Amino acid sequence: MKTLILVDIQYDFLPGGALAVPQGDAVVPVANVLARAADLVIATQDFHPPDHKSFAANHDGRDIGEVVDLDGLSQILWPVHCVQGTRGAELVDELERERIAKVFPKGTDSSIDSYSGFFDNGHRKATGLGDYLKQQGAGQLWVCGLATDYCVKFTVLDALELGFETTLVVDGCRGVNLSAGDVDAAVAAMREKGAHVAQSSALASGVLA
């Protein structure tokens, strides 16, 4: 079963959003093309409480981009984004929502961040995505969304660790690139762990089916 995972295609990650990914809106049409070719479509959703400790605003004297220790884990401090109940946390309207079978929220625990759609950053709790995919008989996973060097990367790495055959749809992703080369390094890390890297056109046409 060809299963598409749409990672965090939400308003706060699009241009004009609180944590805008450059050209983030370019992933939406690619996601829709892939959704029409997939047998199962799943979305992940960054869904933070207002007091989330990954927000710089919740640390006195700390700035966005600083790195702190958060309960034993290294944590980049981000702008306030994808807060539950806000427009910024919603999946974008332009996605063909009727094709999405289930949405998995993540980052709901204020004490720990969750880049991956499968686990929090400390692998302390699972979101349920892995079990759901196995129950559905998901075989090949296609992953696209935002952002390549964070939530997409860790979703792909966890998928591989769980034993799923996983393809990064490279033209269906965009990255933050806090440091030059972050996106390239993320793609290389995913490939090194066994991810396939493909263009959406090859998947949607069945060339790589």
N, C-alpha and C. Protein backbone atom coordinates (compact mmCIF):
# COMPACT_ATOMS: atom_id res chain seq x y z
N MET A 1 0.84 -1.20 0.00
CA MET A 1 0.00 0.00 0.00
C MET A 1 0.87 1.25 0.00
N LYS A 2 0.65 2.09 -0.98
CA LYS A 2 1.41 3.35 -1.08
C LYS A 2 0.77 4.38 -0.14
N THR A 3 1.54 4.80 0.84
CA THR A 3 1.02 5.68 1.88
C THR A 3 1.79 7.00 1.88
N LEU A 4 1.06 8.08 1.79
CA LEU A 4 1.64 9.42 1.78
C LEU A 4 1.51 10.04 3.16
N ILE A 5 2.62 10.54 3.69
CA ILE A 5 2.61 11.28 4.95
C ILE A 5 2.90 12.74 4.65
N LEU A 6 1.94 13.59 4.95
CA LEU A 6 2.08 15.03 4.77
C LEU A 6 2.51 15.62 6.11
N VAL A 7 3.71 16.15 6.16
CA VAL A 7 4.28 16.62 7.42
C VAL A 7 4.04 18.12 7.60
N ASP A 8 3.20 18.45 8.55
CA ASP A 8 3.07 19.83 9.07
C ASP A 8 2.85 20.89 7.99
N ILE A 9 1.94 20.62 7.07
CA ILE A 9 1.63 21.63 6.04
C ILE A 9 0.56 22.54 6.63
N GLN A 10 1.04 23.49 7.44
CA GLN A 10 0.19 24.36 8.26
C GLN A 10 0.52 25.82 7.99
N TYR A 11 -0.43 26.68 8.29
CA TYR A 11 -0.28 28.10 7.95
C TYR A 11 0.94 28.75 8.59
N ASP A 12 1.28 28.39 9.82
CA ASP A 12 2.41 29.06 10.46
C ASP A 12 3.74 28.73 9.81
N PHE A 13 3.80 27.67 8.99
CA PHE A 13 5.03 27.32 8.30
C PHE A 13 5.08 27.84 6.86
N LEU A 14 4.01 28.48 6.42
CA LEU A 14 3.98 29.05 5.07
C LEU A 14 4.41 30.51 5.12
N PRO A 15 4.81 31.08 3.98
CA PRO A 15 5.19 32.50 3.96
C PRO A 15 4.11 33.36 4.62
N GLY A 16 4.56 34.24 5.53
CA GLY A 16 3.64 35.07 6.28
C GLY A 16 3.28 34.48 7.63
N GLY A 17 3.65 33.22 7.86
CA GLY A 17 3.35 32.56 9.12
C GLY A 17 4.37 32.86 10.19
N ALA A 18 4.08 32.41 11.40
CA ALA A 18 4.93 32.72 12.56
C ALA A 18 6.32 32.10 12.46
N LEU A 19 6.41 30.96 11.79
CA LEU A 19 7.71 30.29 11.60
C LEU A 19 7.80 29.87 10.13
N ALA A 20 7.80 30.87 9.28
CA ALA A 20 7.69 30.65 7.84
C ALA A 20 8.91 29.92 7.29
N VAL A 21 8.65 28.90 6.50
CA VAL A 21 9.68 28.19 5.77
C VAL A 21 9.75 28.80 4.37
N PRO A 22 10.92 29.24 3.93
CA PRO A 22 11.01 29.84 2.60
C PRO A 22 10.41 28.94 1.52
N GLN A 23 9.51 29.51 0.73
CA GLN A 23 8.81 28.79 -0.35
C GLN A 23 7.99 27.61 0.18
N GLY A 24 7.59 27.68 1.42
CA GLY A 24 6.84 26.59 2.00
C GLY A 24 5.54 26.29 1.28
N ASP A 25 4.96 27.31 0.68
CA ASP A 25 3.70 27.11 -0.04
C ASP A 25 3.87 26.27 -1.30
N ALA A 26 5.10 26.12 -1.77
CA ALA A 26 5.35 25.34 -2.99
C ALA A 26 5.10 23.85 -2.79
N VAL A 27 5.03 23.39 -1.54
CA VAL A 27 4.82 21.96 -1.31
C VAL A 27 3.36 21.56 -1.49
N VAL A 28 2.44 22.52 -1.43
CA VAL A 28 1.01 22.19 -1.44
C VAL A 28 0.56 21.52 -2.73
N PRO A 29 0.84 22.09 -3.91
CA PRO A 29 0.42 21.41 -5.14
C PRO A 29 1.07 20.05 -5.33
N VAL A 30 2.32 19.91 -4.88
CA VAL A 30 2.98 18.61 -4.96
C VAL A 30 2.26 17.60 -4.07
N ALA A 31 1.90 18.03 -2.86
CA ALA A 31 1.19 17.15 -1.93
C ALA A 31 -0.13 16.68 -2.53
N ASN A 32 -0.83 17.57 -3.22
CA ASN A 32 -2.12 17.19 -3.80
C ASN A 32 -1.96 16.19 -4.94
N VAL A 33 -0.94 16.37 -5.75
CA VAL A 33 -0.68 15.41 -6.83
C VAL A 33 -0.38 14.04 -6.25
N LEU A 34 0.46 14.01 -5.22
CA LEU A 34 0.82 12.74 -4.59
C LEU A 34 -0.38 12.09 -3.92
N ALA A 35 -1.24 12.92 -3.31
CA ALA A 35 -2.41 12.38 -2.62
C ALA A 35 -3.33 11.64 -3.58
N ARG A 36 -3.40 12.10 -4.81
CA ARG A 36 -4.26 11.43 -5.80
C ARG A 36 -3.67 10.10 -6.24
N ALA A 37 -2.35 9.94 -6.08
CA ALA A 37 -1.68 8.71 -6.52
C ALA A 37 -1.51 7.70 -5.39
N ALA A 38 -1.71 8.13 -4.15
CA ALA A 38 -1.49 7.26 -2.99
C ALA A 38 -2.75 6.47 -2.66
N ASP A 39 -2.54 5.35 -1.97
CA ASP A 39 -3.67 4.54 -1.49
C ASP A 39 -4.18 5.03 -0.15
N LEU A 40 -3.30 5.64 0.63
CA LEU A 40 -3.64 6.13 1.97
C LEU A 40 -2.88 7.42 2.20
N VAL A 41 -3.57 8.42 2.74
CA VAL A 41 -2.94 9.72 3.00
C VAL A 41 -3.12 10.06 4.48
N ILE A 42 -2.01 10.37 5.13
CA ILE A 42 -1.98 10.74 6.54
C ILE A 42 -1.32 12.11 6.65
N ALA A 43 -1.74 12.91 7.63
CA ALA A 43 -1.09 14.19 7.88
C ALA A 43 -0.63 14.26 9.33
N THR A 44 0.48 14.93 9.56
CA THR A 44 0.89 15.27 10.92
C THR A 44 0.64 16.76 11.12
N GLN A 45 0.45 17.13 12.38
CA GLN A 45 0.08 18.51 12.70
C GLN A 45 0.81 18.94 13.97
N ASP A 46 1.70 19.92 13.85
CA ASP A 46 2.30 20.55 15.02
C ASP A 46 1.16 21.21 15.80
N PHE A 47 1.03 20.92 17.10
CA PHE A 47 -0.18 21.34 17.81
C PHE A 47 0.17 21.65 19.27
N HIS A 48 0.78 22.82 19.47
CA HIS A 48 1.37 23.15 20.76
C HIS A 48 0.41 23.87 21.70
N PRO A 49 0.52 23.59 23.00
CA PRO A 49 -0.14 24.45 23.98
C PRO A 49 0.61 25.78 24.08
N PRO A 50 -0.05 26.85 24.54
CA PRO A 50 0.61 28.16 24.57
C PRO A 50 1.86 28.21 25.44
N ASP A 51 1.94 27.33 26.44
CA ASP A 51 3.08 27.36 27.36
C ASP A 51 4.20 26.41 26.95
N HIS A 52 4.24 26.04 25.68
CA HIS A 52 5.23 25.06 25.24
C HIS A 52 6.64 25.59 25.48
N LYS A 53 7.48 24.71 26.01
CA LYS A 53 8.83 25.14 26.40
C LYS A 53 9.81 25.26 25.24
N SER A 54 9.37 24.94 24.03
CA SER A 54 10.23 25.18 22.87
C SER A 54 10.12 26.63 22.38
N PHE A 55 9.21 27.39 22.96
CA PHE A 55 9.01 28.79 22.55
C PHE A 55 9.96 29.69 23.33
N ALA A 56 10.73 30.50 22.61
CA ALA A 56 11.64 31.43 23.28
C ALA A 56 10.88 32.35 24.23
N ALA A 57 9.66 32.70 23.87
CA ALA A 57 8.85 33.62 24.69
C ALA A 57 8.56 33.06 26.07
N ASN A 58 8.70 31.75 26.24
CA ASN A 58 8.44 31.13 27.54
C ASN A 58 9.71 30.94 28.36
N HIS A 59 10.81 31.58 27.94
CA HIS A 59 12.08 31.54 28.68
C HIS A 59 12.57 32.96 28.86
N ASP A 60 12.53 33.46 30.07
CA ASP A 60 12.96 34.84 30.34
C ASP A 60 14.41 35.04 29.90
N GLY A 61 14.63 36.10 29.15
CA GLY A 61 15.98 36.47 28.75
C GLY A 61 16.56 35.66 27.62
N ARG A 62 15.77 34.77 27.03
CA ARG A 62 16.25 33.93 25.93
C ARG A 62 15.69 34.44 24.61
N ASP A 63 16.48 34.23 23.54
CA ASP A 63 16.08 34.69 22.22
C ASP A 63 15.81 33.52 21.29
N ILE A 64 15.03 33.79 20.27
CA ILE A 64 14.77 32.81 19.22
C ILE A 64 16.09 32.37 18.60
N GLY A 65 16.25 31.07 18.43
CA GLY A 65 17.47 30.52 17.85
C GLY A 65 18.48 30.06 18.86
N GLU A 66 18.34 30.48 20.12
CA GLU A 66 19.24 29.98 21.16
C GLU A 66 18.94 28.51 21.41
N VAL A 67 19.95 27.81 21.91
CA VAL A 67 19.81 26.40 22.25
C VAL A 67 19.89 26.25 23.76
N VAL A 68 18.91 25.56 24.33
CA VAL A 68 18.87 25.36 25.77
C VAL A 68 18.76 23.86 26.07
N ASP A 69 18.97 23.51 27.32
CA ASP A 69 18.73 22.15 27.77
C ASP A 69 17.28 22.07 28.26
N LEU A 70 16.53 21.17 27.69
CA LEU A 70 15.13 21.00 28.07
C LEU A 70 14.94 19.56 28.56
N ASP A 71 14.98 19.41 29.86
CA ASP A 71 14.80 18.09 30.48
C ASP A 71 15.77 17.06 29.89
N GLY A 72 17.02 17.49 29.72
CA GLY A 72 18.04 16.57 29.25
C GLY A 72 18.22 16.50 27.75
N LEU A 73 17.42 17.25 27.01
CA LEU A 73 17.52 17.27 25.56
C LEU A 73 17.91 18.66 25.08
N SER A 74 18.73 18.71 24.04
CA SER A 74 19.10 19.97 23.42
C SER A 74 17.89 20.51 22.66
N GLN A 75 17.54 21.76 22.88
CA GLN A 75 16.33 22.34 22.29
C GLN A 75 16.61 23.71 21.69
N ILE A 76 16.35 23.86 20.40
CA ILE A 76 16.36 25.18 19.76
C ILE A 76 15.10 25.91 20.18
N LEU A 77 15.23 27.18 20.54
CA LEU A 77 14.07 27.98 20.90
C LEU A 77 13.47 28.62 19.66
N TRP A 78 12.19 28.41 19.48
CA TRP A 78 11.47 28.86 18.29
C TRP A 78 10.51 30.01 18.60
N PRO A 79 10.07 30.72 17.59
CA PRO A 79 8.97 31.66 17.80
C PRO A 79 7.71 30.89 18.20
N VAL A 80 6.79 31.56 18.84
CA VAL A 80 5.50 30.94 19.15
C VAL A 80 4.83 30.56 17.83
N HIS A 81 4.45 29.29 17.69
CA HIS A 81 3.87 28.84 16.42
C HIS A 81 2.96 27.63 16.65
N CYS A 82 2.03 27.45 15.73
CA CYS A 82 1.14 26.28 15.72
C CYS A 82 0.51 26.04 17.08
N VAL A 83 -0.01 27.11 17.67
CA VAL A 83 -0.67 27.00 18.97
C VAL A 83 -2.09 26.48 18.77
N GLN A 84 -2.46 25.54 19.60
CA GLN A 84 -3.78 24.93 19.52
C GLN A 84 -4.87 26.01 19.50
N GLY A 85 -5.80 25.86 18.56
CA GLY A 85 -6.93 26.79 18.48
C GLY A 85 -6.68 28.02 17.63
N THR A 86 -5.47 28.13 17.07
CA THR A 86 -5.17 29.30 16.23
C THR A 86 -5.19 28.91 14.75
N ARG A 87 -5.36 29.92 13.92
CA ARG A 87 -5.35 29.69 12.48
C ARG A 87 -4.01 29.13 12.02
N GLY A 88 -2.93 29.58 12.66
CA GLY A 88 -1.60 29.14 12.26
C GLY A 88 -1.38 27.65 12.43
N ALA A 89 -2.14 27.02 13.32
CA ALA A 89 -1.98 25.59 13.57
C ALA A 89 -2.76 24.74 12.58
N GLU A 90 -3.66 25.35 11.82
CA GLU A 90 -4.52 24.59 10.93
C GLU A 90 -3.77 24.11 9.68
N LEU A 91 -4.15 22.92 9.20
CA LEU A 91 -3.67 22.49 7.89
C LEU A 91 -4.22 23.44 6.84
N VAL A 92 -3.43 23.72 5.81
CA VAL A 92 -3.83 24.75 4.86
C VAL A 92 -5.04 24.30 4.05
N ASP A 93 -5.90 25.26 3.76
CA ASP A 93 -7.16 24.96 3.06
C ASP A 93 -6.93 24.38 1.68
N GLU A 94 -5.81 24.75 1.05
CA GLU A 94 -5.56 24.31 -0.32
C GLU A 94 -5.23 22.84 -0.45
N LEU A 95 -4.91 22.19 0.68
CA LEU A 95 -4.74 20.74 0.64
C LEU A 95 -6.07 20.07 0.33
N GLU A 96 -6.02 18.99 -0.40
CA GLU A 96 -7.24 18.23 -0.68
C GLU A 96 -7.56 17.38 0.55
N ARG A 97 -8.20 18.04 1.50
CA ARG A 97 -8.42 17.46 2.83
C ARG A 97 -9.25 16.19 2.80
N GLU A 98 -10.13 16.08 1.82
CA GLU A 98 -11.00 14.91 1.77
C GLU A 98 -10.22 13.62 1.54
N ARG A 99 -8.98 13.75 1.06
CA ARG A 99 -8.15 12.57 0.82
C ARG A 99 -7.37 12.14 2.07
N ILE A 100 -7.35 12.98 3.10
CA ILE A 100 -6.59 12.68 4.31
C ILE A 100 -7.43 11.80 5.22
N ALA A 101 -6.94 10.58 5.48
CA ALA A 101 -7.69 9.62 6.28
C ALA A 101 -7.62 9.94 7.77
N LYS A 102 -6.49 10.45 8.21
CA LYS A 102 -6.31 10.70 9.65
C LYS A 102 -5.21 11.74 9.85
N VAL A 103 -5.39 12.56 10.88
CA VAL A 103 -4.40 13.58 11.24
C VAL A 103 -3.83 13.23 12.61
N PHE A 104 -2.50 13.22 12.71
CA PHE A 104 -1.83 12.92 13.96
C PHE A 104 -1.20 14.19 14.52
N PRO A 105 -1.74 14.72 15.63
CA PRO A 105 -1.12 15.89 16.27
C PRO A 105 0.14 15.49 17.01
N LYS A 106 1.06 16.45 17.11
CA LYS A 106 2.32 16.22 17.83
C LYS A 106 2.74 17.51 18.51
N GLY A 107 3.66 17.39 19.49
CA GLY A 107 4.08 18.58 20.23
C GLY A 107 3.03 19.06 21.20
N THR A 108 2.16 18.17 21.63
CA THR A 108 1.07 18.56 22.53
C THR A 108 1.49 18.62 24.00
N ASP A 109 2.62 18.02 24.33
CA ASP A 109 3.16 18.05 25.70
C ASP A 109 4.07 19.27 25.82
N SER A 110 3.74 20.16 26.72
CA SER A 110 4.49 21.42 26.82
C SER A 110 5.93 21.23 27.24
N SER A 111 6.27 20.06 27.79
CA SER A 111 7.60 19.86 28.34
C SER A 111 8.61 19.30 27.36
N ILE A 112 8.14 18.89 26.16
CA ILE A 112 9.07 18.28 25.20
C ILE A 112 8.60 18.56 23.78
N ASP A 113 9.54 18.81 22.87
CA ASP A 113 9.18 19.08 21.48
C ASP A 113 9.03 17.76 20.72
N SER A 114 8.38 17.83 19.59
CA SER A 114 8.16 16.63 18.77
C SER A 114 8.32 17.00 17.31
N TYR A 115 9.51 16.78 16.78
CA TYR A 115 9.71 17.01 15.35
C TYR A 115 9.11 15.88 14.52
N SER A 116 9.34 14.66 14.95
CA SER A 116 8.87 13.49 14.20
C SER A 116 7.36 13.31 14.34
N GLY A 117 6.76 12.78 13.30
CA GLY A 117 5.35 12.42 13.37
C GLY A 117 5.10 11.16 14.16
N PHE A 118 6.16 10.44 14.53
CA PHE A 118 6.03 9.16 15.23
C PHE A 118 6.25 9.25 16.73
N PHE A 119 7.23 10.06 17.15
CA PHE A 119 7.60 10.13 18.56
C PHE A 119 7.95 11.57 18.94
N ASP A 120 7.98 11.83 20.26
CA ASP A 120 8.57 13.09 20.71
C ASP A 120 10.08 13.01 20.56
N ASN A 121 10.75 14.12 20.81
CA ASN A 121 12.19 14.19 20.54
C ASN A 121 13.02 13.28 21.44
N GLY A 122 12.46 12.86 22.55
CA GLY A 122 13.18 11.94 23.42
C GLY A 122 12.75 10.50 23.26
N HIS A 123 11.87 10.26 22.29
CA HIS A 123 11.30 8.92 22.07
C HIS A 123 10.67 8.38 23.37
N ARG A 124 10.08 9.28 24.14
CA ARG A 124 9.46 8.89 25.40
C ARG A 124 8.01 8.46 25.20
N LYS A 125 7.35 9.08 24.25
CA LYS A 125 5.96 8.73 23.94
C LYS A 125 5.78 8.67 22.42
N ALA A 126 4.93 7.77 21.99
CA ALA A 126 4.60 7.64 20.57
C ALA A 126 3.30 8.39 20.29
N THR A 127 3.16 8.85 19.06
CA THR A 127 1.93 9.54 18.66
C THR A 127 0.83 8.57 18.25
N GLY A 128 1.21 7.32 18.01
CA GLY A 128 0.25 6.34 17.51
C GLY A 128 0.34 6.13 16.01
N LEU A 129 1.12 6.97 15.33
CA LEU A 129 1.21 6.87 13.87
C LEU A 129 1.78 5.53 13.43
N GLY A 130 2.82 5.07 14.08
CA GLY A 130 3.46 3.80 13.67
C GLY A 130 2.50 2.63 13.77
N ASP A 131 1.80 2.54 14.89
CA ASP A 131 0.84 1.45 15.07
C ASP A 131 -0.29 1.54 14.05
N TYR A 132 -0.75 2.75 13.79
CA TYR A 132 -1.83 2.94 12.83
C TYR A 132 -1.41 2.47 11.43
N LEU A 133 -0.22 2.85 11.02
CA LEU A 133 0.25 2.46 9.69
C LEU A 133 0.37 0.94 9.56
N LYS A 134 0.85 0.31 10.62
CA LYS A 134 0.97 -1.15 10.59
C LYS A 134 -0.41 -1.81 10.54
N GLN A 135 -1.37 -1.26 11.28
CA GLN A 135 -2.73 -1.79 11.27
C GLN A 135 -3.37 -1.66 9.88
N GLN A 136 -3.02 -0.59 9.18
CA GLN A 136 -3.59 -0.34 7.86
C GLN A 136 -2.87 -1.12 6.76
N GLY A 137 -1.77 -1.76 7.11
CA GLY A 137 -1.01 -2.51 6.12
C GLY A 137 -0.17 -1.64 5.22
N ALA A 138 0.22 -0.46 5.74
CA ALA A 138 1.04 0.46 4.94
C ALA A 138 2.37 -0.19 4.60
N GLY A 139 2.77 -0.11 3.35
CA GLY A 139 4.04 -0.66 2.92
C GLY A 139 5.02 0.44 2.59
N GLN A 140 4.91 0.97 1.38
CA GLN A 140 5.78 2.06 0.97
C GLN A 140 5.28 3.39 1.53
N LEU A 141 6.16 4.11 2.18
CA LEU A 141 5.81 5.44 2.67
C LEU A 141 6.44 6.51 1.80
N TRP A 142 5.64 7.47 1.39
CA TRP A 142 6.13 8.67 0.73
C TRP A 142 5.99 9.81 1.73
N VAL A 143 7.05 10.58 1.92
CA VAL A 143 7.02 11.66 2.91
C VAL A 143 7.34 12.99 2.24
N CYS A 144 6.48 13.97 2.48
CA CYS A 144 6.75 15.33 2.00
C CYS A 144 6.23 16.32 3.04
N GLY A 145 6.59 17.59 2.89
CA GLY A 145 6.07 18.60 3.80
C GLY A 145 7.15 19.53 4.32
N LEU A 146 6.95 19.98 5.56
CA LEU A 146 7.77 21.02 6.15
C LEU A 146 8.22 20.62 7.56
N ALA A 147 9.44 20.87 7.89
CA ALA A 147 10.50 21.35 7.01
C ALA A 147 11.52 20.23 6.83
N THR A 148 12.20 20.26 5.69
CA THR A 148 13.11 19.17 5.33
C THR A 148 14.10 18.84 6.43
N ASP A 149 14.67 19.87 7.05
CA ASP A 149 15.78 19.69 7.98
C ASP A 149 15.33 19.50 9.43
N TYR A 150 14.03 19.46 9.66
CA TYR A 150 13.54 19.21 11.02
C TYR A 150 12.46 18.14 11.02
N CYS A 151 11.21 18.53 10.89
CA CYS A 151 10.12 17.56 11.08
C CYS A 151 10.08 16.49 9.99
N VAL A 152 10.39 16.84 8.76
CA VAL A 152 10.45 15.83 7.71
C VAL A 152 11.59 14.86 7.99
N LYS A 153 12.75 15.39 8.27
CA LYS A 153 13.92 14.55 8.52
C LYS A 153 13.66 13.53 9.63
N PHE A 154 13.16 13.99 10.76
CA PHE A 154 12.98 13.07 11.90
C PHE A 154 11.81 12.12 11.69
N THR A 155 10.82 12.53 10.92
CA THR A 155 9.75 11.61 10.57
C THR A 155 10.28 10.48 9.69
N VAL A 156 11.10 10.83 8.71
CA VAL A 156 11.69 9.82 7.83
C VAL A 156 12.61 8.88 8.61
N LEU A 157 13.46 9.44 9.46
CA LEU A 157 14.39 8.60 10.22
C LEU A 157 13.65 7.62 11.13
N ASP A 158 12.58 8.08 11.76
CA ASP A 158 11.82 7.19 12.63
C ASP A 158 11.07 6.13 11.81
N ALA A 159 10.57 6.52 10.65
CA ALA A 159 9.89 5.54 9.78
C ALA A 159 10.85 4.42 9.40
N LEU A 160 12.06 4.79 9.06
CA LEU A 160 13.07 3.78 8.71
C LEU A 160 13.39 2.90 9.90
N GLU A 161 13.53 3.51 11.06
CA GLU A 161 13.84 2.75 12.28
C GLU A 161 12.73 1.75 12.60
N LEU A 162 11.50 2.10 12.26
CA LEU A 162 10.37 1.21 12.50
C LEU A 162 10.20 0.16 11.41
N GLY A 163 11.05 0.22 10.39
CA GLY A 163 11.05 -0.82 9.38
C GLY A 163 10.24 -0.54 8.13
N PHE A 164 9.77 0.70 7.96
CA PHE A 164 9.01 1.05 6.77
C PHE A 164 9.94 1.41 5.61
N GLU A 165 9.61 0.92 4.43
CA GLU A 165 10.30 1.38 3.23
C GLU A 165 9.86 2.82 2.98
N THR A 166 10.80 3.73 2.95
CA THR A 166 10.45 5.15 3.01
C THR A 166 11.13 5.94 1.90
N THR A 167 10.36 6.77 1.24
CA THR A 167 10.87 7.64 0.18
C THR A 167 10.65 9.10 0.55
N LEU A 168 11.70 9.88 0.52
CA LEU A 168 11.62 11.33 0.67
C LEU A 168 11.28 11.92 -0.68
N VAL A 169 10.17 12.63 -0.75
CA VAL A 169 9.78 13.29 -1.99
C VAL A 169 10.41 14.67 -1.98
N VAL A 170 11.56 14.77 -2.60
CA VAL A 170 12.42 15.92 -2.36
C VAL A 170 11.82 17.24 -2.88
N ASP A 171 11.08 17.20 -3.97
CA ASP A 171 10.48 18.44 -4.47
C ASP A 171 9.21 18.80 -3.74
N GLY A 172 8.76 17.92 -2.85
CA GLY A 172 7.58 18.20 -2.03
C GLY A 172 7.94 18.67 -0.64
N CYS A 173 9.19 19.10 -0.45
CA CYS A 173 9.67 19.57 0.85
C CYS A 173 10.39 20.91 0.67
N ARG A 174 10.42 21.68 1.72
CA ARG A 174 11.25 22.87 1.79
C ARG A 174 11.83 22.93 3.20
N GLY A 175 13.01 23.58 3.32
CA GLY A 175 13.71 23.57 4.59
C GLY A 175 13.85 24.93 5.24
N VAL A 176 14.14 24.91 6.53
CA VAL A 176 14.40 26.14 7.29
C VAL A 176 15.78 26.68 6.95
N ASN A 177 16.79 25.77 6.94
CA ASN A 177 18.17 26.15 6.64
C ASN A 177 18.69 27.23 7.59
N LEU A 178 18.53 27.00 8.89
CA LEU A 178 19.06 27.96 9.87
C LEU A 178 20.54 28.22 9.63
N SER A 179 21.26 27.16 9.30
CA SER A 179 22.66 27.28 8.90
C SER A 179 22.79 26.79 7.47
N ALA A 180 23.62 27.46 6.68
CA ALA A 180 23.79 27.07 5.28
C ALA A 180 24.18 25.60 5.19
N GLY A 181 23.49 24.88 4.33
CA GLY A 181 23.80 23.47 4.15
C GLY A 181 22.97 22.52 4.98
N ASP A 182 22.09 23.05 5.85
CA ASP A 182 21.30 22.18 6.72
C ASP A 182 20.40 21.24 5.92
N VAL A 183 19.80 21.75 4.85
CA VAL A 183 18.88 20.92 4.06
C VAL A 183 19.65 19.80 3.37
N ASP A 184 20.77 20.14 2.75
CA ASP A 184 21.58 19.11 2.08
C ASP A 184 22.05 18.05 3.07
N ALA A 185 22.45 18.49 4.25
CA ALA A 185 22.90 17.55 5.27
C ALA A 185 21.76 16.65 5.73
N ALA A 186 20.56 17.20 5.82
CA ALA A 186 19.40 16.41 6.24
C ALA A 186 19.07 15.35 5.20
N VAL A 187 19.09 15.72 3.94
CA VAL A 187 18.81 14.75 2.87
C VAL A 187 19.87 13.65 2.87
N ALA A 188 21.13 14.05 3.06
CA ALA A 188 22.21 13.05 3.10
C ALA A 188 22.03 12.10 4.28
N ALA A 189 21.60 12.62 5.43
CA ALA A 189 21.40 11.78 6.61
C ALA A 189 20.27 10.78 6.38
N MET A 190 19.20 11.22 5.75
CA MET A 190 18.08 10.32 5.46
C MET A 190 18.50 9.24 4.47
N ARG A 191 19.23 9.66 3.45
CA ARG A 191 19.68 8.69 2.45
C ARG A 191 20.63 7.67 3.07
N GLU A 192 21.50 8.13 3.95
CA GLU A 192 22.47 7.24 4.60
C GLU A 192 21.78 6.16 5.43
N LYS A 193 20.64 6.51 6.02
CA LYS A 193 19.91 5.55 6.85
C LYS A 193 18.99 4.63 6.03
N GLY A 194 18.97 4.85 4.71
CA GLY A 194 18.23 3.93 3.86
C GLY A 194 17.02 4.50 3.15
N ALA A 195 16.78 5.80 3.28
CA ALA A 195 15.65 6.40 2.59
C ALA A 195 15.92 6.49 1.09
N HIS A 196 14.90 6.25 0.29
CA HIS A 196 14.97 6.57 -1.13
C HIS A 196 14.70 8.07 -1.27
N VAL A 197 15.24 8.67 -2.28
CA VAL A 197 15.00 10.09 -2.55
C VAL A 197 14.50 10.19 -3.99
N ALA A 198 13.32 10.76 -4.16
CA ALA A 198 12.71 10.78 -5.49
C ALA A 198 11.96 12.08 -5.73
N GLN A 199 11.70 12.34 -6.99
CA GLN A 199 10.84 13.44 -7.40
C GLN A 199 9.39 12.97 -7.43
N SER A 200 8.48 13.88 -7.16
CA SER A 200 7.06 13.53 -7.13
C SER A 200 6.57 13.00 -8.47
N SER A 201 7.13 13.51 -9.55
CA SER A 201 6.66 13.10 -10.88
C SER A 201 6.88 11.61 -11.10
N ALA A 202 8.00 11.09 -10.60
CA ALA A 202 8.30 9.68 -10.76
C ALA A 202 7.34 8.82 -9.95
N LEU A 203 6.98 9.27 -8.76
CA LEU A 203 6.06 8.51 -7.93
C LEU A 203 4.64 8.58 -8.48
N ALA A 204 4.20 9.77 -8.82
CA ALA A 204 2.82 9.94 -9.28
C ALA A 204 2.56 9.23 -10.61
N SER A 205 3.60 9.11 -11.43
CA SER A 205 3.44 8.45 -12.73
C SER A 205 3.57 6.95 -12.62
N GLY A 206 4.00 6.47 -11.45
CA GLY A 206 4.17 5.04 -11.26
C GLY A 206 5.52 4.51 -11.67
N VAL A 207 6.44 5.40 -12.07
CA VAL A 207 7.76 4.95 -12.50
C VAL A 207 8.48 4.22 -11.38
N LEU A 208 8.29 4.70 -10.14
CA LEU A 208 8.95 4.09 -8.99
C LEU A 208 7.99 3.26 -8.16
N ALA A 209 6.88 2.88 -8.72
CA ALA A 209 5.89 2.12 -7.95
C ALA A 209 6.43 0.73 -7.63
